Amino acid sequence: MNGSLHEYGIDRLKNIIMQNSQKTAIEIQQAILDSVSLFQDIHPANDDLTMIILKAI
């Protein structure tokens, strides 16, 4: 959640994945982490974050 108590949400996650789909799995992971960090701003996470990134080649 951010300071306004809005959740990051699945739509925001989908958009980040689509915007970075041409990148490597590690780069996609970093884009997601960066996006979540920007979304949270200075507010601490209120839940854990677990990711498994699979990319078909």
PDB file of N, CA and C in Angstrom:
ATOM      1  N   MET A   1       0.835  -1.193   0.000  1.00  0.00           N
ATOM      2  CA  MET A   1       0.000   0.000   0.000  1.00  0.00           C
ATOM      3  C   MET A   1       0.877   1.253   0.000  1.00  0.00           C
ATOM      4  N   ASN A   2       0.292   2.292  -0.501  1.00  0.00           N
ATOM      5  CA  ASN A   2       1.009   3.563  -0.466  1.00  0.00           C
ATOM      6  C   ASN A   2       0.448   4.427   0.668  1.00  0.00           C
ATOM      7  N   GLY A   3       0.855   5.653   0.749  1.00  0.00           N
ATOM      8  CA  GLY A   3       0.416   6.553   1.808  1.00  0.00           C
ATOM      9  C   GLY A   3      -1.064   6.856   1.773  1.00  0.00           C
ATOM     10  N   SER A   4      -1.688   6.696   0.617  1.00  0.00           N
ATOM     11  CA  SER A   4      -3.130   6.927   0.477  1.00  0.00           C
ATOM     12  C   SER A   4      -3.930   5.645   0.690  1.00  0.00           C
ATOM     13  N   LEU A   5      -3.250   4.601   1.146  1.00  0.00           N
ATOM     14  CA  LEU A   5      -3.854   3.293   1.409  1.00  0.00           C
ATOM     15  C   LEU A   5      -4.382   2.602   0.151  1.00  0.00           C
ATOM     16  N   HIS A   6      -3.782   2.916  -0.989  1.00  0.00           N
ATOM     17  CA  HIS A   6      -4.095   2.217  -2.233  1.00  0.00           C
ATOM     18  C   HIS A   6      -3.156   1.036  -2.385  1.00  0.00           C
ATOM     19  N   GLU A   7      -3.695  -0.086  -2.834  1.00  0.00           N
ATOM     20  CA  GLU A   7      -2.862  -1.254  -3.085  1.00  0.00           C
ATOM     21  C   GLU A   7      -2.175  -1.131  -4.439  1.00  0.00           C
ATOM     22  N   TYR A   8      -1.023  -1.759  -4.559  1.00  0.00           N
ATOM     23  CA  TYR A   8      -0.277  -1.747  -5.816  1.00  0.00           C
ATOM     24  C   TYR A   8      -1.134  -2.335  -6.938  1.00  0.00           C
ATOM     25  N   GLY A   9      -1.701  -3.483  -6.729  1.00  0.00           N
ATOM     26  CA  GLY A   9      -2.694  -4.051  -7.637  1.00  0.00           C
ATOM     27  C   GLY A   9      -2.144  -4.841  -8.812  1.00  0.00           C
ATOM     28  N   ILE A  10      -2.950  -5.775  -9.259  1.00  0.00           N
ATOM     29  CA  ILE A  10      -2.586  -6.673 -10.356  1.00  0.00           C
ATOM     30  C   ILE A  10      -2.471  -5.925 -11.690  1.00  0.00           C
ATOM     31  N   ASP A  11      -3.303  -4.918 -11.912  1.00  0.00           N
ATOM     32  CA  ASP A  11      -3.235  -4.173 -13.177  1.00  0.00           C
ATOM     33  C   ASP A  11      -1.908  -3.432 -13.313  1.00  0.00           C
ATOM     34  N   ARG A  12      -1.451  -2.836 -12.240  1.00  0.00           N
ATOM     35  CA  ARG A  12      -0.164  -2.125 -12.260  1.00  0.00           C
ATOM     36  C   ARG A  12       0.968  -3.122 -12.531  1.00  0.00           C
ATOM     37  N   LEU A  13       0.890  -4.301 -11.894  1.00  0.00           N
ATOM     38  CA  LEU A  13       1.885  -5.341 -12.107  1.00  0.00           C
ATOM     39  C   LEU A  13       1.891  -5.812 -13.556  1.00  0.00           C
ATOM     40  N   LYS A  14       0.710  -6.054 -14.112  1.00  0.00           N
ATOM     41  CA  LYS A  14       0.611  -6.476 -15.519  1.00  0.00           C
ATOM     42  C   LYS A  14       1.241  -5.445 -16.446  1.00  0.00           C
ATOM     43  N   ASN A  15       0.987  -4.176 -16.184  1.00  0.00           N
ATOM     44  CA  ASN A  15       1.540  -3.113 -17.032  1.00  0.00           C
ATOM     45  C   ASN A  15       3.065  -3.103 -16.996  1.00  0.00           C
ATOM     46  N   ILE A  16       3.640  -3.257 -15.814  1.00  0.00           N
ATOM     47  CA  ILE A  16       5.099  -3.282 -15.700  1.00  0.00           C
ATOM     48  C   ILE A  16       5.669  -4.478 -16.453  1.00  0.00           C
ATOM     49  N   ILE A  17       5.028  -5.627 -16.324  1.00  0.00           N
ATOM     50  CA  ILE A  17       5.500  -6.822 -17.030  1.00  0.00           C
ATOM     51  C   ILE A  17       5.413  -6.622 -18.536  1.00  0.00           C
ATOM     52  N   MET A  18       4.298  -6.088 -19.022  1.00  0.00           N
ATOM     53  CA  MET A  18       4.151  -5.867 -20.469  1.00  0.00           C
ATOM     54  C   MET A  18       5.159  -4.843 -20.982  1.00  0.00           C
ATOM     55  N   GLN A  19       5.411  -3.791 -20.217  1.00  0.00           N
ATOM     56  CA  GLN A  19       6.364  -2.761 -20.627  1.00  0.00           C
ATOM     57  C   GLN A  19       7.797  -3.284 -20.671  1.00  0.00           C
ATOM     58  N   ASN A  20       8.061  -4.353 -19.939  1.00  0.00           N
ATOM     59  CA  ASN A  20       9.419  -4.877 -19.837  1.00  0.00           C
ATOM     60  C   ASN A  20       9.553  -6.292 -20.389  1.00  0.00           C
ATOM     61  N   SER A  21       8.582  -6.747 -21.147  1.00  0.00           N
ATOM     62  CA  SER A  21       8.536  -8.141 -21.609  1.00  0.00           C
ATOM     63  C   SER A  21       9.729  -8.544 -22.474  1.00  0.00           C
ATOM     64  N   GLN A  22      10.373  -7.599 -23.121  1.00  0.00           N
ATOM     65  CA  GLN A  22      11.505  -7.915 -23.983  1.00  0.00           C
ATOM     66  C   GLN A  22      12.805  -8.059 -23.199  1.00  0.00           C
ATOM     67  N   LYS A  23      12.766  -7.739 -21.918  1.00  0.00           N
ATOM     68  CA  LYS A  23      13.971  -7.780 -21.087  1.00  0.00           C
ATOM     69  C   LYS A  23      14.171  -9.161 -20.479  1.00  0.00           C
ATOM     70  N   THR A  24      15.315  -9.350 -19.846  1.00  0.00           N
ATOM     71  CA  THR A  24      15.599 -10.617 -19.172  1.00  0.00           C
ATOM     72  C   THR A  24      14.753 -10.735 -17.902  1.00  0.00           C
ATOM     73  N   ALA A  25      14.684 -11.946 -17.365  1.00  0.00           N
ATOM     74  CA  ALA A  25      13.919 -12.175 -16.139  1.00  0.00           C
ATOM     75  C   ALA A  25      14.449 -11.309 -14.991  1.00  0.00           C
ATOM     76  N   ILE A  26      15.758 -11.193 -14.894  1.00  0.00           N
ATOM     77  CA  ILE A  26      16.355 -10.366 -13.832  1.00  0.00           C
ATOM     78  C   ILE A  26      15.978  -8.896 -14.013  1.00  0.00           C
ATOM     79  N   GLU A  27      15.983  -8.417 -15.248  1.00  0.00           N
ATOM     80  CA  GLU A  27      15.611  -7.021 -15.514  1.00  0.00           C
ATOM     81  C   GLU A  27      14.129  -6.782 -15.229  1.00  0.00           C
ATOM     82  N   ILE A  28      13.288  -7.751 -15.528  1.00  0.00           N
ATOM     83  CA  ILE A  28      11.857  -7.642 -15.211  1.00  0.00           C
ATOM     84  C   ILE A  28      11.674  -7.584 -13.698  1.00  0.00           C
ATOM     85  N   GLN A  29      12.381  -8.452 -12.989  1.00  0.00           N
ATOM     86  CA  GLN A  29      12.314  -8.447 -11.526  1.00  0.00           C
ATOM     87  C   GLN A  29      12.697  -7.069 -10.984  1.00  0.00           C
ATOM     88  N   GLN A  30      13.780  -6.515 -11.490  1.00  0.00           N
ATOM     89  CA  GLN A  30      14.228  -5.206 -11.010  1.00  0.00           C
ATOM     90  C   GLN A  30      13.216  -4.112 -11.345  1.00  0.00           C
ATOM     91  N   ALA A  31      12.600  -4.176 -12.520  1.00  0.00           N
ATOM     92  CA  ALA A  31      11.579  -3.193 -12.901  1.00  0.00           C
ATOM     93  C   ALA A  31      10.391  -3.256 -11.943  1.00  0.00           C
ATOM     94  N   ILE A  32      10.001  -4.465 -11.566  1.00  0.00           N
ATOM     95  CA  ILE A  32       8.897  -4.625 -10.619  1.00  0.00           C
ATOM     96  C   ILE A  32       9.278  -4.053  -9.258  1.00  0.00           C
ATOM     97  N   LEU A  33      10.464  -4.405  -8.781  1.00  0.00           N
ATOM     98  CA  LEU A  33      10.920  -3.894  -7.486  1.00  0.00           C
ATOM     99  C   LEU A  33      11.013  -2.372  -7.487  1.00  0.00           C
ATOM    100  N   ASP A  34      11.521  -1.799  -8.563  1.00  0.00           N
ATOM    101  CA  ASP A  34      11.613  -0.340  -8.679  1.00  0.00           C
ATOM    102  C   ASP A  34      10.231   0.297  -8.658  1.00  0.00           C
ATOM    103  N   SER A  35       9.294  -0.306  -9.394  1.00  0.00           N
ATOM    104  CA  SER A  35       7.937   0.217  -9.466  1.00  0.00           C
ATOM    105  C   SER A  35       7.249   0.164  -8.104  1.00  0.00           C
ATOM    106  N   VAL A  36       7.404  -0.946  -7.410  1.00  0.00           N
ATOM    107  CA  VAL A  36       6.808  -1.080  -6.077  1.00  0.00           C
ATOM    108  C   VAL A  36       7.415  -0.051  -5.123  1.00  0.00           C
ATOM    109  N   SER A  37       8.710   0.122  -5.198  1.00  0.00           N
ATOM    110  CA  SER A  37       9.386   1.088  -4.334  1.00  0.00           C
ATOM    111  C   SER A  37       8.885   2.508  -4.585  1.00  0.00           C
ATOM    112  N   LEU A  38       8.749   2.884  -5.846  1.00  0.00           N
ATOM    113  CA  LEU A  38       8.219   4.207  -6.182  1.00  0.00           C
ATOM    114  C   LEU A  38       6.781   4.362  -5.705  1.00  0.00           C
ATOM    115  N   PHE A  39       6.000   3.324  -5.851  1.00  0.00           N
ATOM    116  CA  PHE A  39       4.604   3.351  -5.437  1.00  0.00           C
ATOM    117  C   PHE A  39       4.485   3.543  -3.930  1.00  0.00           C
ATOM    118  N   GLN A  40       5.300   2.835  -3.168  1.00  0.00           N
ATOM    119  CA  GLN A  40       5.266   2.917  -1.709  1.00  0.00           C
ATOM    120  C   GLN A  40       5.726   4.274  -1.207  1.00  0.00           C
ATOM    121  N   ASP A  41       6.613   4.916  -1.960  1.00  0.00           N
ATOM    122  CA  ASP A  41       7.242   6.166  -1.554  1.00  0.00           C
ATOM    123  C   ASP A  41       8.019   5.915  -0.269  1.00  0.00           C
ATOM    124  N   ILE A  42       7.739   6.622   0.777  1.00  0.00           N
ATOM    125  CA  ILE A  42       8.497   6.466   2.019  1.00  0.00           C
ATOM    126  C   ILE A  42       7.828   5.505   2.997  1.00  0.00           C
ATOM    127  N   HIS A  43       6.699   4.951   2.618  1.00  0.00           N
ATOM    128  CA  HIS A  43       5.932   4.102   3.528  1.00  0.00           C
ATOM    129  C   HIS A  43       6.460   2.667   3.513  1.00  0.00           C
ATOM    130  N   PRO A  44       6.602   2.083   4.681  1.00  0.00           N
ATOM    131  CA  PRO A  44       7.111   0.709   4.738  1.00  0.00           C
ATOM    132  C   PRO A  44       6.097  -0.284   4.189  1.00  0.00           C
ATOM    133  N   ALA A  45       6.599  -1.385   3.681  1.00  0.00           N
ATOM    134  CA  ALA A  45       5.730  -2.444   3.161  1.00  0.00           C
ATOM    135  C   ALA A  45       4.903  -3.022   4.308  1.00  0.00           C
ATOM    136  N   ASN A  46       3.644  -3.322   4.021  1.00  0.00           N
ATOM    137  CA  ASN A  46       2.807  -3.928   5.053  1.00  0.00           C
ATOM    138  C   ASN A  46       2.587  -5.418   4.782  1.00  0.00           C
ATOM    139  N   ASP A  47       3.311  -5.950   3.815  1.00  0.00           N
ATOM    140  CA  ASP A  47       3.225  -7.363   3.486  1.00  0.00           C
ATOM    141  C   ASP A  47       4.549  -7.771   2.848  1.00  0.00           C
ATOM    142  N   ASP A  48       4.756  -9.080   2.727  1.00  0.00           N
ATOM    143  CA  ASP A  48       5.986  -9.538   2.094  1.00  0.00           C
ATOM    144  C   ASP A  48       5.851  -9.490   0.576  1.00  0.00           C
ATOM    145  N   LEU A  49       6.944  -9.687  -0.106  1.00  0.00           N
ATOM    146  CA  LEU A  49       6.974  -9.653  -1.558  1.00  0.00           C
ATOM    147  C   LEU A  49       7.722 -10.892  -2.042  1.00  0.00           C
ATOM    148  N   THR A  50       7.023 -11.732  -2.772  1.00  0.00           N
ATOM    149  CA  THR A  50       7.614 -12.948  -3.316  1.00  0.00           C
ATOM    150  C   THR A  50       7.402 -12.952  -4.816  1.00  0.00           C
ATOM    151  N   MET A  51       8.468 -13.243  -5.577  1.00  0.00           N
ATOM    152  CA  MET A  51       8.361 -13.277  -7.031  1.00  0.00           C
ATOM    153  C   MET A  51       9.020 -14.526  -7.589  1.00  0.00           C
ATOM    154  N   ILE A  52       8.384 -15.089  -8.594  1.00  0.00           N
ATOM    155  CA  ILE A  52       8.995 -16.101  -9.420  1.00  0.00           C
ATOM    156  C   ILE A  52       8.802 -15.617 -10.844  1.00  0.00           C
ATOM    157  N   ILE A  53       9.894 -15.364 -11.536  1.00  0.00           N
ATOM    158  CA  ILE A  53       9.840 -14.847 -12.893  1.00  0.00           C
ATOM    159  C   ILE A  53      10.300 -15.962 -13.830  1.00  0.00           C
ATOM    160  N   LEU A  54       9.431 -16.382 -14.710  1.00  0.00           N
ATOM    161  CA  LEU A  54       9.762 -17.391 -15.723  1.00  0.00           C
ATOM    162  C   LEU A  54       9.622 -16.742 -17.080  1.00  0.00           C
ATOM    163  N   LYS A  55      10.568 -17.010 -17.922  1.00  0.00           N
ATOM    164  CA  LYS A  55      10.533 -16.430 -19.259  1.00  0.00           C
ATOM    165  C   LYS A  55      10.764 -17.543 -20.277  1.00  0.00           C
ATOM    166  N   ALA A  56       9.818 -17.700 -21.186  1.00  0.00           N
ATOM    167  CA  ALA A  56       9.946 -18.720 -22.243  1.00  0.00           C
ATOM    168  C   ALA A  56      10.843 -18.187 -23.346  1.00  0.00           C
ATOM    169  N   ILE A  57      11.689 -19.057 -23.854  1.00  0.00           N
ATOM    170  CA  ILE A  57      12.552 -18.636 -24.960  1.00  0.00           C
ATOM    171  C   ILE A  57      12.309 -19.516 -26.167  1.00  0.00           C
TER     172      ILE A  57
END
